[in-house]
Amino acid sequence: MVIETEEVYLTTPKKTVTVPVGLITEDYLIQTTKKGKEIRVKAYDSRYIKFFAEKLKERIVWKWPNDILMAGKRRVGKSCLAIRIARTMHPTMAINDIVFTLKELNHNLKTNPTANPSLNLFPQIMFDEAGFDLFMENWNNFYQKELVKKYEVIGAKYQTIYLIAPGDFVNSKMKNFSTFLIYCCEDNLERGVAELYELKDKKFGKPWYNPIAAFQFDELHDDFWDEYEKKKFAFIDDVCEKEPDEERMSNRRKIQLEQRNKAITLLYKSSKLSQNELSKQLGLSPPLINKIVNESNQ
């Protein structure tokens, strides 16, 4: 279906680049507040991707990293859009810039150079869920918390990172650390529309996402996309062979032990039971109770 557009020109915030885009409507309903207020923004054609990429590059010039959270239902085109933006920003993006595990992410953060706009160097990392949440039920807790720890490195090296969230499940910490949120929509089984929000700080309150615009994007059908899908399915096959997931189990066990030790310490301090009496009540050895209590006092 051909959609009529009006050609307009958008300029980046620091007025370094102007990009022609197609304006579809000035009345796109992007959000309805709890009080029923409708928030409407302008909607553009796929040329908006070029403008957004230039905006990201300009941020790097001014020493700001780019943290982009991609959200939406499964199979709505989040990875496709992230690749489109990344390749528009830096056409030489490599398939190795797409990672699926924290181990790969750590490696790329360590080996990626610091961004250098004068050399047209804009390192990027796309952290893709690609089925990871199918096997990691604790993804929203452990993995997102671990990712938050990496944001200092991302900022110091002025990286551009795309976090492809599993479905609509994103915890508040990830939202509060991401400069941009792009929500990929689905309507009557149709893909190809994205909504852009930008994080705004409140001095004495929670940050919030300000609706910026909506825009179209097209599916990918090229060699790079084929290579991406091969890597994605290889990853999924590899994860399927690992059962149970040892990393998830070890971290879950660690959390459970920490919770147990806190409970034992509180019980010991609040009750009149001796350590020996407590060990009999809980069925744990006296040396273990003694170790837990001593460690809590350090």
Protein backbone atom coordinates (compact mmCIF):
# COMPACT_ATOMS: atom_id res chain seq x y z
CA MET A 1 0.00 0.00 0.00
CA VAL A 2 1.39 3.40 -1.00
CA ILE A 3 1.08 6.07 1.69
CA GLU A 4 1.16 9.69 0.67
CA THR A 5 3.75 11.78 2.47
CA GLU A 6 4.80 15.39 2.58
CA GLU A 7 8.56 15.94 2.36
CA VAL A 8 9.86 17.87 5.36
CA TYR A 9 13.32 18.50 6.76
CA LEU A 10 14.43 17.52 10.27
CA THR A 11 17.53 18.97 11.89
CA THR A 12 19.50 17.33 14.69
CA PRO A 13 19.45 19.06 18.12
CA LYS A 14 22.89 20.68 17.67
CA LYS A 15 21.96 21.66 14.11
CA THR A 16 24.82 19.74 12.51
CA VAL A 17 22.77 17.69 10.02
CA THR A 18 19.46 18.18 8.19
CA VAL A 19 17.70 15.15 6.75
CA PRO A 20 14.70 15.02 4.36
CA VAL A 21 11.94 12.71 5.59
CA GLY A 22 8.36 11.97 4.62
CA LEU A 23 5.69 13.25 7.00
CA ILE A 24 2.71 10.86 7.07
CA THR A 25 0.57 12.56 9.71
CA GLU A 26 0.86 15.11 12.50
CA ASP A 27 -1.84 13.34 14.50
CA TYR A 28 -0.50 9.88 15.39
CA LEU A 29 -1.95 8.61 18.70
CA ILE A 30 1.08 7.32 20.58
CA GLN A 31 -0.22 7.20 24.14
CA THR A 32 -3.28 7.63 26.33
CA THR A 33 -2.65 8.64 29.94
CA LYS A 34 -4.35 7.09 32.95
CA LYS A 35 -6.61 10.14 33.06
CA GLY A 36 -7.67 9.57 29.47
CA LYS A 37 -5.59 12.32 27.86
CA GLU A 38 -4.50 11.47 24.32
CA ILE A 39 -0.90 12.23 23.38
CA ARG A 40 -0.27 12.61 19.67
CA VAL A 41 2.96 12.99 17.72
CA LYS A 42 4.11 13.24 14.14
CA ALA A 43 4.59 10.04 12.14
CA TYR A 44 7.19 9.71 9.39
CA ASP A 45 8.22 7.27 6.68
CA SER A 46 11.30 5.03 6.87
CA ARG A 47 13.64 7.93 6.06
CA TYR A 48 13.30 8.90 9.71
CA ILE A 49 15.81 6.12 10.46
CA LYS A 50 18.50 8.21 8.73
CA PHE A 51 17.60 11.22 10.89
CA PHE A 52 17.67 9.16 14.10
CA ALA A 53 21.05 7.66 13.15
CA GLU A 54 22.46 11.15 12.60
CA LYS A 55 21.08 12.18 15.98
CA LEU A 56 22.88 9.25 17.61
CA LYS A 57 26.15 10.18 15.90
CA GLU A 58 25.78 13.77 17.04
CA ARG A 59 25.37 12.59 20.63
CA ILE A 60 28.69 10.74 20.36
CA VAL A 61 30.36 13.92 19.10
CA TRP A 62 29.14 15.67 22.24
CA LYS A 63 30.47 12.83 24.43
CA TRP A 64 27.20 11.07 25.17
CA PRO A 65 26.72 7.30 24.84
CA ASN A 66 23.63 5.83 23.20
CA ASP A 67 21.57 3.29 25.12
CA ILE A 68 18.60 2.12 23.09
CA LEU A 69 16.00 -0.23 24.50
CA MET A 70 13.99 -2.09 21.84
CA ALA A 71 10.67 -3.41 23.14
CA GLY A 72 7.52 -4.98 21.73
CA LYS A 73 5.93 -8.36 21.24
CA ARG A 74 7.89 -11.25 19.79
CA ARG A 75 8.40 -11.28 16.03
CA VAL A 76 7.45 -7.62 15.49
CA GLY A 77 10.80 -6.70 13.95
CA LYS A 78 12.88 -5.40 16.89
CA SER A 79 16.10 -7.01 15.68
CA CYS A 80 15.40 -5.96 12.12
CA LEU A 81 14.93 -2.32 13.10
CA ALA A 82 17.99 -2.32 15.38
CA ILE A 83 20.12 -3.62 12.50
CA ARG A 84 18.69 -1.00 10.15
CA ILE A 85 19.53 1.82 12.57
CA ALA A 86 22.97 0.41 13.33
CA ARG A 87 23.93 -0.04 9.68
CA THR A 88 22.65 3.43 8.83
CA MET A 89 24.77 4.86 11.60
CA HIS A 90 27.81 2.77 10.74
CA PRO A 91 27.54 0.85 7.42
CA THR A 92 30.50 -1.39 8.23
CA MET A 93 28.72 -3.02 11.16
CA ALA A 94 29.89 -6.63 11.46
CA ILE A 95 27.92 -9.71 12.40
CA ASN A 96 30.18 -10.03 15.48
CA ASP A 97 28.68 -6.77 16.75
CA ILE A 98 25.56 -8.81 17.51
CA VAL A 99 25.80 -10.80 20.74
CA PHE A 100 23.47 -13.16 22.59
CA THR A 101 25.18 -13.73 25.95
CA LEU A 102 26.77 -11.68 28.70
CA LYS A 103 30.08 -13.38 27.96
CA GLU A 104 29.99 -12.10 24.39
CA LEU A 105 28.88 -8.67 25.57
CA ASN A 106 31.77 -8.44 28.03
CA HIS A 107 34.20 -9.42 25.29
CA ASN A 108 32.92 -6.78 22.89
CA LEU A 109 32.90 -4.07 25.55
CA LYS A 110 36.50 -4.94 26.39
CA THR A 111 37.78 -5.11 22.81
CA ASN A 112 35.71 -2.38 21.16
CA PRO A 113 37.62 0.86 20.65
CA THR A 114 36.41 4.15 22.11
CA ALA A 115 34.22 6.03 19.65
CA ASN A 116 36.02 8.60 17.51
CA PRO A 117 33.71 10.67 15.27
CA SER A 118 36.67 12.36 13.52
CA LEU A 119 37.59 8.93 12.17
CA ASN A 120 33.94 8.03 11.55
CA LEU A 121 34.32 5.37 14.23
CA PHE A 122 31.07 4.56 16.04
CA PRO A 123 31.37 1.18 17.83
CA GLN A 124 28.04 -0.56 18.35
CA ILE A 125 26.77 -3.64 20.14
CA MET A 126 23.41 -5.28 19.62
CA PHE A 127 22.48 -7.48 22.60
CA ASP A 128 19.80 -9.73 21.15
CA GLU A 129 17.44 -11.87 23.21
CA ALA A 130 16.71 -14.14 20.21
CA GLY A 131 15.10 -16.88 22.23
CA PHE A 132 17.31 -16.41 25.30
CA ASP A 133 14.26 -15.78 27.48
CA LEU A 134 12.81 -19.11 26.32
CA PHE A 135 15.45 -20.86 28.39
CA MET A 136 16.29 -18.30 31.08
CA GLU A 137 13.26 -17.73 33.29
CA ASN A 138 15.40 -15.51 35.53
CA TRP A 139 16.43 -13.24 32.63
CA ASN A 140 14.51 -10.23 33.91
CA ASN A 141 16.26 -10.37 37.27
CA PHE A 142 19.84 -11.57 37.04
CA TYR A 143 20.75 -10.72 33.45
CA GLN A 144 19.27 -7.26 33.37
CA LYS A 145 20.90 -6.43 36.70
CA GLU A 146 24.23 -7.62 35.33
CA LEU A 147 23.75 -5.54 32.22
CA VAL A 148 23.12 -2.41 34.28
CA LYS A 149 26.60 -2.89 35.77
CA LYS A 150 28.10 -2.58 32.28
CA TYR A 151 26.61 0.82 31.60
CA GLU A 152 29.60 2.61 33.10
CA VAL A 153 31.84 0.95 30.51
CA ILE A 154 29.37 1.74 27.75
CA GLY A 155 29.36 5.39 28.78
CA ALA A 156 33.12 5.72 29.21
CA LYS A 157 33.80 4.39 25.70
CA TYR A 158 30.83 6.19 24.10
CA GLN A 159 29.38 3.00 22.72
CA THR A 160 26.01 2.65 21.04
CA ILE A 161 24.17 -0.36 22.44
CA TYR A 162 20.83 -1.83 21.38
CA LEU A 163 19.14 -4.00 23.98
CA ILE A 164 16.53 -6.21 22.35
CA ALA A 165 14.14 -6.97 25.20
CA PRO A 166 12.38 -10.34 25.39
CA GLY A 167 8.79 -9.48 24.57
CA ASP A 168 7.38 -6.67 26.69
CA PHE A 169 9.25 -7.79 29.82
CA VAL A 170 11.63 -5.04 30.87
CA ASN A 171 12.34 -4.14 34.48
CA SER A 172 12.42 -0.57 35.75
CA LYS A 173 16.20 -0.48 36.16
CA MET A 174 16.73 -1.10 32.46
CA LYS A 175 14.21 1.60 31.58
CA ASN A 176 15.91 4.11 33.85
CA PHE A 177 19.31 3.48 32.27
CA SER A 178 18.25 3.62 28.62
CA THR A 179 18.29 6.99 26.85
CA PHE A 180 15.84 5.89 24.16
CA LEU A 181 12.98 3.44 24.08
CA ILE A 182 11.75 2.20 20.71
CA TYR A 183 8.51 0.24 20.83
CA CYS A 184 7.78 -1.85 17.74
CA CYS A 185 4.06 -2.14 17.13
CA GLU A 186 1.79 -4.78 15.65
CA ASP A 187 -1.69 -4.07 14.34
CA ASN A 188 -3.86 -6.67 12.60
CA LEU A 189 -0.77 -8.84 12.01
CA GLU A 190 0.96 -5.92 10.25
CA ARG A 191 4.56 -5.04 11.19
CA GLY A 192 6.71 -2.06 10.34
CA VAL A 193 5.73 0.76 12.71
CA ALA A 194 7.90 1.94 15.59
CA GLU A 195 7.33 4.50 18.34
CA LEU A 196 10.25 6.52 19.72
CA TYR A 197 10.49 7.77 23.31
CA GLU A 198 13.31 9.66 25.01
CA LEU A 199 14.20 9.43 28.70
CA LYS A 200 13.64 12.61 30.65
CA ASP A 201 14.96 13.15 34.18
CA LYS A 202 13.01 14.60 37.04
CA LYS A 203 15.11 16.27 39.72
CA PHE A 204 13.09 14.85 42.58
CA GLY A 205 11.07 12.05 41.03
CA LYS A 206 11.18 9.06 38.75
CA PRO A 207 12.45 9.58 35.20
CA TRP A 208 9.88 9.22 32.45
CA TYR A 209 9.79 8.55 28.71
CA ASN A 210 8.70 11.46 26.58
CA PRO A 211 6.97 10.43 23.29
CA ILE A 212 8.95 11.85 20.34
CA ALA A 213 7.65 10.38 17.08
CA ALA A 214 6.44 7.34 15.19
CA PHE A 215 8.00 6.04 12.00
CA GLN A 216 7.86 3.22 9.49
CA PHE A 217 10.56 0.64 8.80
CA ASP A 218 10.91 -2.12 6.22
CA GLU A 219 11.84 -5.76 6.65
CA LEU A 220 15.35 -6.90 5.81
CA HIS A 221 16.05 -9.37 3.02
CA ASP A 222 19.77 -9.31 2.34
CA ASP A 223 22.95 -11.28 3.00
CA PHE A 224 23.56 -9.61 6.36
CA TRP A 225 20.10 -10.62 7.59
CA ASP A 226 20.69 -14.19 6.39
CA GLU A 227 23.97 -14.25 8.30
CA TYR A 228 22.26 -12.88 11.40
CA GLU A 229 19.58 -15.58 11.29
CA LYS A 230 22.21 -18.31 10.95
CA LYS A 231 23.99 -16.98 14.04
CA LYS A 232 20.71 -16.68 15.93
CA PHE A 233 19.60 -20.24 15.19
CA ALA A 234 23.07 -21.59 15.99
CA PHE A 235 22.80 -19.90 19.38
CA ILE A 236 19.33 -21.32 20.00
CA ASP A 237 20.50 -24.81 19.04
CA ASP A 238 23.44 -24.46 21.44
CA VAL A 239 21.20 -23.38 24.31
CA CYS A 240 18.78 -26.24 23.63
CA GLU A 241 21.58 -28.72 24.19
CA LYS A 242 22.33 -27.34 27.66
CA GLU A 243 19.90 -28.70 30.20
CA PRO A 244 19.67 -27.62 32.85
CA ASP A 245 21.22 -24.24 32.30
CA GLU A 246 24.16 -24.39 34.70
CA GLU A 247 24.69 -20.65 34.88
CA ARG A 248 21.08 -19.97 35.81
CA MET A 249 21.07 -22.76 38.38
CA SER A 250 24.31 -21.59 40.02
CA ASN A 251 23.10 -18.02 40.35
CA ARG A 252 19.71 -19.11 41.64
CA ARG A 253 21.45 -21.31 44.21
CA LYS A 254 23.62 -18.39 45.29
CA ILE A 255 20.58 -16.18 45.82
CA GLN A 256 18.78 -18.91 47.76
CA LEU A 257 21.80 -19.42 50.07
CA GLU A 258 22.06 -15.69 50.73
CA GLN A 259 18.37 -15.56 51.62
CA ARG A 260 18.71 -18.61 53.89
CA ASN A 261 21.71 -17.16 55.70
CA LYS A 262 19.92 -13.85 56.31
CA ALA A 263 16.90 -15.68 57.69
CA ILE A 264 19.06 -17.80 60.02
CA THR A 265 20.93 -14.72 61.25
CA LEU A 266 17.70 -12.84 61.98
CA LEU A 267 16.23 -15.86 63.75
CA TYR A 268 19.37 -16.27 65.89
CA LYS A 269 19.44 -12.60 66.89
CA SER A 270 15.72 -12.32 67.60
CA SER A 271 15.30 -15.62 69.47
CA LYS A 272 16.82 -16.85 72.74
CA LEU A 273 18.04 -20.05 71.13
CA SER A 274 21.69 -21.00 71.33
CA GLN A 275 23.55 -21.98 68.17
CA ASN A 276 23.32 -25.66 69.12
CA GLU A 277 19.58 -25.39 69.77
CA LEU A 278 19.14 -23.57 66.46
CA SER A 279 21.04 -26.27 64.58
CA LYS A 280 18.73 -28.95 66.00
CA GLN A 281 15.61 -26.94 65.14
CA LEU A 282 16.75 -26.35 61.54
CA GLY A 283 18.49 -29.67 60.96
CA LEU A 284 21.79 -27.98 60.10
CA SER A 285 25.21 -28.77 61.55
CA PRO A 286 26.51 -26.61 64.46
CA PRO A 287 29.67 -25.60 62.49
CA LEU A 288 27.50 -24.31 59.63
CA ILE A 289 25.32 -22.27 62.00
CA ASN A 290 28.46 -20.90 63.65
CA LYS A 291 29.93 -19.92 60.28
CA ILE A 292 26.74 -18.15 59.16
CA VAL A 293 26.47 -16.20 62.42
CA ASN A 294 30.16 -15.23 62.41
CA GLU A 295 30.06 -14.05 58.81
CA SER A 296 27.04 -11.86 59.56
CA ASN A 297 29.04 -10.13 62.31
CA GLN A 298 31.97 -9.25 60.05
